[in-house]
């Protein structure tokens, strides 16, 4: 997981550089954006991002809105938010954790690893469900076709 591509978004340049360096030291491929609009452009044009790590309070758009928009554009991307506020904002998307500032490198890495692990597990379960759905649909279609053939013989 250490090779995951992480997009860090923060309008505070010092925080952006600091968090990026912490993640880079642990082998993450880090992309940075100084605001939500730049982040959305990166998500649209860069190779797939495994994790977006965004500050919540930014002037152009709240981090909670940014993460929701990234999920819409790139459903395979996981999200993690950062906040200096003590209270949890009411608009945090379901399943997205909030990392409280200030945090240590260990806390950051632990939160990133946990988020990426949970995302990989969720996507694995989704693949299994999609395969099961495909199999059940095929079985149902075969059963319907068999029933139609039987009915045609009975009627015909």
C-alpha atoms as a PDB file:
ATOM      1  CA  UNK A   1       0.000   0.000   0.000  1.00  0.00           C
ATOM      2  CA  UNK A   2       2.931   2.378   0.439  1.00  0.00           C
ATOM      3  CA  UNK A   3       2.939   3.103  -3.312  1.00  0.00           C
ATOM      4  CA  UNK A   4      -0.588   4.541  -3.221  1.00  0.00           C
ATOM      5  CA  UNK A   5      -1.133   7.866  -4.966  1.00  0.00           C
ATOM      6  CA  UNK A   6      -2.401  10.466  -2.475  1.00  0.00           C
ATOM      7  CA  UNK A   7      -3.763  13.890  -3.358  1.00  0.00           C
ATOM      8  CA  UNK A   8      -3.273  16.358  -0.498  1.00  0.00           C
ATOM      9  CA  UNK A   9      -5.461  19.469  -0.576  1.00  0.00           C
ATOM     10  CA  UNK A  10      -5.009  22.425   1.750  1.00  0.00           C
ATOM     11  CA  UNK A  11      -5.114  26.185   1.233  1.00  0.00           C
ATOM     12  CA  UNK A  12      -2.479  26.579   3.975  1.00  0.00           C
ATOM     13  CA  UNK A  13       0.832  26.264   2.103  1.00  0.00           C
ATOM     14  CA  UNK A  14       2.801  25.282   5.219  1.00  0.00           C
ATOM     15  CA  UNK A  15       0.353  22.493   6.070  1.00  0.00           C
ATOM     16  CA  UNK A  16       0.333  21.318   2.444  1.00  0.00           C
ATOM     17  CA  UNK A  17       4.125  21.021   2.349  1.00  0.00           C
ATOM     18  CA  UNK A  18       4.341  19.460   5.814  1.00  0.00           C
ATOM     19  CA  UNK A  19       1.729  16.750   5.175  1.00  0.00           C
ATOM     20  CA  UNK A  20       3.167  16.027   1.726  1.00  0.00           C
ATOM     21  CA  UNK A  21       6.655  15.510   3.155  1.00  0.00           C
ATOM     22  CA  UNK A  22       5.331  13.208   5.898  1.00  0.00           C
ATOM     23  CA  UNK A  23       3.573  11.027   3.317  1.00  0.00           C
ATOM     24  CA  UNK A  24       6.484  11.066   0.859  1.00  0.00           C
ATOM     25  CA  UNK A  25       8.862   9.824   3.546  1.00  0.00           C
ATOM     26  CA  UNK A  26       6.647   6.750   3.892  1.00  0.00           C
ATOM     27  CA  UNK A  27       6.744   5.998   0.174  1.00  0.00           C
ATOM     28  CA  UNK A  28       3.421   7.456  -0.907  1.00  0.00           C
ATOM     29  CA  UNK A  29       3.220   9.145  -4.311  1.00  0.00           C
ATOM     30  CA  UNK A  30       1.991  12.590  -3.350  1.00  0.00           C
ATOM     31  CA  UNK A  31       0.215  15.121  -5.518  1.00  0.00           C
ATOM     32  CA  UNK A  32      -0.709  18.491  -4.045  1.00  0.00           C
ATOM     33  CA  UNK A  33      -3.411  21.063  -4.633  1.00  0.00           C
ATOM     34  CA  UNK A  34      -3.690  24.433  -2.927  1.00  0.00           C
ATOM     35  CA  UNK A  35      -7.454  24.438  -3.323  1.00  0.00           C
ATOM     36  CA  UNK A  36     -10.501  22.387  -4.304  1.00  0.00           C
ATOM     37  CA  UNK A  37     -10.732  23.558  -7.921  1.00  0.00           C
ATOM     38  CA  UNK A  38      -7.122  22.573  -8.583  1.00  0.00           C
ATOM     39  CA  UNK A  39      -7.773  19.248  -6.839  1.00  0.00           C
ATOM     40  CA  UNK A  40     -10.772  18.499  -9.061  1.00  0.00           C
ATOM     41  CA  UNK A  41      -8.690  19.234 -12.156  1.00  0.00           C
ATOM     42  CA  UNK A  42      -6.015  16.808 -10.934  1.00  0.00           C
ATOM     43  CA  UNK A  43      -8.623  14.106 -10.294  1.00  0.00           C
ATOM     44  CA  UNK A  44     -10.010  14.609 -13.814  1.00  0.00           C
ATOM     45  CA  UNK A  45      -6.628  14.544 -15.591  1.00  0.00           C
ATOM     46  CA  UNK A  46      -4.055  12.636 -13.510  1.00  0.00           C
ATOM     47  CA  UNK A  47      -3.681   8.875 -13.254  1.00  0.00           C
ATOM     48  CA  UNK A  48      -6.063   7.359 -10.682  1.00  0.00           C
ATOM     49  CA  UNK A  49      -5.800   8.709  -7.148  1.00  0.00           C
ATOM     50  CA  UNK A  50      -6.204   6.138  -4.373  1.00  0.00           C
ATOM     51  CA  UNK A  51      -6.786   8.699  -1.596  1.00  0.00           C
ATOM     52  CA  UNK A  52      -7.751  12.334  -1.319  1.00  0.00           C
ATOM     53  CA  UNK A  53      -6.653  13.932   1.954  1.00  0.00           C
ATOM     54  CA  UNK A  54      -8.323  17.324   2.248  1.00  0.00           C
ATOM     55  CA  UNK A  55      -8.635  20.097   4.759  1.00  0.00           C
ATOM     56  CA  UNK A  56     -12.271  20.874   5.554  1.00  0.00           C
ATOM     57  CA  UNK A  57     -12.173  24.683   5.845  1.00  0.00           C
ATOM     58  CA  UNK A  58     -11.155  26.203   2.508  1.00  0.00           C
ATOM     59  CA  UNK A  59     -12.417  29.347   0.769  1.00  0.00           C
ATOM     60  CA  UNK A  60     -13.489  27.940  -2.634  1.00  0.00           C
ATOM     61  CA  UNK A  61     -15.372  24.890  -1.375  1.00  0.00           C
ATOM     62  CA  UNK A  62     -15.564  22.927   1.851  1.00  0.00           C
ATOM     63  CA  UNK A  63     -13.448  19.792   1.966  1.00  0.00           C
ATOM     64  CA  UNK A  64     -16.593  17.773   2.664  1.00  0.00           C
ATOM     65  CA  UNK A  65     -18.067  18.972  -0.647  1.00  0.00           C
ATOM     66  CA  UNK A  66     -14.769  18.349  -2.438  1.00  0.00           C
ATOM     67  CA  UNK A  67     -14.576  14.757  -1.213  1.00  0.00           C
ATOM     68  CA  UNK A  68     -18.170  14.120  -2.296  1.00  0.00           C
ATOM     69  CA  UNK A  69     -17.417  15.505  -5.758  1.00  0.00           C
ATOM     70  CA  UNK A  70     -14.243  13.408  -6.021  1.00  0.00           C
ATOM     71  CA  UNK A  71     -16.259  10.291  -5.114  1.00  0.00           C
ATOM     72  CA  UNK A  72     -18.666  11.133  -7.945  1.00  0.00           C
ATOM     73  CA  UNK A  73     -15.843  11.628 -10.452  1.00  0.00           C
ATOM     74  CA  UNK A  74     -13.657   8.775  -9.213  1.00  0.00           C
ATOM     75  CA  UNK A  75     -15.588   6.160  -7.184  1.00  0.00           C
ATOM     76  CA  UNK A  76     -12.461   4.118  -6.511  1.00  0.00           C
ATOM     77  CA  UNK A  77     -10.840   7.026  -4.620  1.00  0.00           C
ATOM     78  CA  UNK A  78     -10.976   6.933  -0.817  1.00  0.00           C
ATOM     79  CA  UNK A  79     -11.338  10.080   1.272  1.00  0.00           C
ATOM     80  CA  UNK A  80      -9.859  11.395   4.504  1.00  0.00           C
ATOM     81  CA  UNK A  81     -10.466  14.866   5.922  1.00  0.00           C
ATOM     82  CA  UNK A  82      -8.356  17.118   8.150  1.00  0.00           C
ATOM     83  CA  UNK A  83      -9.722  19.724  10.532  1.00  0.00           C
ATOM     84  CA  UNK A  84      -8.511  22.036  13.247  1.00  0.00           C
ATOM     85  CA  UNK A  85     -12.019  22.244  14.706  1.00  0.00           C
ATOM     86  CA  UNK A  86     -12.918  20.116  17.693  1.00  0.00           C
ATOM     87  CA  UNK A  87     -16.495  19.469  16.614  1.00  0.00           C
ATOM     88  CA  UNK A  88     -17.243  17.156  13.716  1.00  0.00           C
ATOM     89  CA  UNK A  89     -18.978  18.965  10.879  1.00  0.00           C
ATOM     90  CA  UNK A  90     -22.449  17.608  10.110  1.00  0.00           C
ATOM     91  CA  UNK A  91     -21.777  17.283   6.374  1.00  0.00           C
ATOM     92  CA  UNK A  92     -18.943  14.728   6.488  1.00  0.00           C
ATOM     93  CA  UNK A  93     -19.736  12.024   3.909  1.00  0.00           C
ATOM     94  CA  UNK A  94     -20.548   8.608   5.345  1.00  0.00           C
ATOM     95  CA  UNK A  95     -17.485   6.461   5.933  1.00  0.00           C
ATOM     96  CA  UNK A  96     -15.023   9.368   5.752  1.00  0.00           C
ATOM     97  CA  UNK A  97     -12.823   9.857   8.818  1.00  0.00           C
ATOM     98  CA  UNK A  98     -11.698  13.244  10.129  1.00  0.00           C
ATOM     99  CA  UNK A  99      -8.100  13.617  11.289  1.00  0.00           C
ATOM    100  CA  UNK A 100      -7.767  16.342  13.933  1.00  0.00           C
ATOM    101  CA  UNK A 101      -5.023  18.954  13.558  1.00  0.00           C
ATOM    102  CA  UNK A 102      -2.401  19.088  14.853  1.00  0.00           C
ATOM    103  CA  UNK A 103      -1.427  15.464  14.279  1.00  0.00           C
ATOM    104  CA  UNK A 104       1.828  13.560  14.385  1.00  0.00           C
ATOM    105  CA  UNK A 105       3.382  11.734  11.459  1.00  0.00           C
ATOM    106  CA  UNK A 106       2.422   8.438  13.125  1.00  0.00           C
ATOM    107  CA  UNK A 107      -1.215   9.524  13.432  1.00  0.00           C
ATOM    108  CA  UNK A 108      -1.274  10.654   9.803  1.00  0.00           C
ATOM    109  CA  UNK A 109       0.255   7.438   8.479  1.00  0.00           C
ATOM    110  CA  UNK A 110      -2.046   5.311  10.642  1.00  0.00           C
ATOM    111  CA  UNK A 111      -5.136   7.187   9.381  1.00  0.00           C
ATOM    112  CA  UNK A 112      -4.001   6.958   5.741  1.00  0.00           C
ATOM    113  CA  UNK A 113      -3.214   3.239   6.011  1.00  0.00           C
ATOM    114  CA  UNK A 114      -6.535   2.499   7.731  1.00  0.00           C
ATOM    115  CA  UNK A 115      -8.491   4.454   5.118  1.00  0.00           C
ATOM    116  CA  UNK A 116      -6.702   2.720   2.231  1.00  0.00           C
ATOM    117  CA  UNK A 117      -7.194  -0.720   3.825  1.00  0.00           C
ATOM    118  CA  UNK A 118     -10.900  -0.117   4.394  1.00  0.00           C
ATOM    119  CA  UNK A 119     -11.271   1.163   0.834  1.00  0.00           C
ATOM    120  CA  UNK A 120      -9.529  -1.907  -0.617  1.00  0.00           C
ATOM    121  CA  UNK A 121     -11.749  -4.217   1.453  1.00  0.00           C
ATOM    122  CA  UNK A 122     -14.883  -2.375   0.366  1.00  0.00           C
ATOM    123  CA  UNK A 123     -13.904  -2.515  -3.307  1.00  0.00           C
ATOM    124  CA  UNK A 124     -13.126  -6.232  -2.934  1.00  0.00           C
ATOM    125  CA  UNK A 125     -16.594  -6.860  -1.485  1.00  0.00           C
ATOM    126  CA  UNK A 126     -18.150  -4.815  -4.268  1.00  0.00           C
ATOM    127  CA  UNK A 127     -16.347  -6.918  -6.895  1.00  0.00           C
ATOM    128  CA  UNK A 128     -17.587 -10.110  -5.217  1.00  0.00           C
ATOM    129  CA  UNK A 129     -21.152  -8.782  -5.167  1.00  0.00           C
ATOM    130  CA  UNK A 130     -20.925  -7.749  -8.815  1.00  0.00           C
ATOM    131  CA  UNK A 131     -19.695 -11.228  -9.768  1.00  0.00           C
ATOM    132  CA  UNK A 132     -22.463 -12.843  -7.717  1.00  0.00           C
ATOM    133  CA  UNK A 133     -25.068 -10.578  -9.333  1.00  0.00           C
ATOM    134  CA  UNK A 134     -23.775 -11.497 -12.801  1.00  0.00           C
ATOM    135  CA  UNK A 135     -23.903 -15.219 -11.976  1.00  0.00           C
ATOM    136  CA  UNK A 136     -27.413 -15.011 -10.491  1.00  0.00           C
ATOM    137  CA  UNK A 137     -28.661 -12.985 -13.439  1.00  0.00           C
ATOM    138  CA  UNK A 138     -27.284 -15.579 -15.834  1.00  0.00           C
ATOM    139  CA  UNK A 139     -28.894 -18.411 -13.837  1.00  0.00           C
ATOM    140  CA  UNK A 140     -32.209 -16.556 -13.777  1.00  0.00           C
ATOM    141  CA  UNK A 141     -32.073 -15.913 -17.497  1.00  0.00           C
ATOM    142  CA  UNK A 142     -31.379 -19.615 -18.158  1.00  0.00           C
ATOM    143  CA  UNK A 143     -34.300 -20.616 -15.892  1.00  0.00           C
ATOM    144  CA  UNK A 144     -36.662 -18.213 -17.671  1.00  0.00           C
ATOM    145  CA  UNK A 145     -35.590 -19.506 -21.088  1.00  0.00           C
ATOM    146  CA  UNK A 146     -36.109 -23.087 -19.905  1.00  0.00           C
ATOM    147  CA  UNK A 147     -39.582 -22.195 -18.591  1.00  0.00           C
ATOM    148  CA  UNK A 148     -40.506 -20.543 -21.874  1.00  0.00           C
ATOM    149  CA  UNK A 149     -39.401 -23.634 -23.826  1.00  0.00           C
ATOM    150  CA  UNK A 150     -41.440 -25.841 -21.506  1.00  0.00           C
ATOM    151  CA  UNK A 151     -44.505 -23.614 -21.874  1.00  0.00           C
ATOM    152  CA  UNK A 152     -44.178 -23.644 -25.684  1.00  0.00           C
ATOM    153  CA  UNK A 153     -44.085 -27.457 -25.674  1.00  0.00           C
ATOM    154  CA  UNK A 154     -47.129 -27.650 -23.426  1.00  0.00           C
ATOM    155  CA  UNK A 155     -49.080 -25.067 -25.440  1.00  0.00           C
ATOM    156  CA  UNK A 156     -47.749 -25.983 -28.855  1.00  0.00           C
END
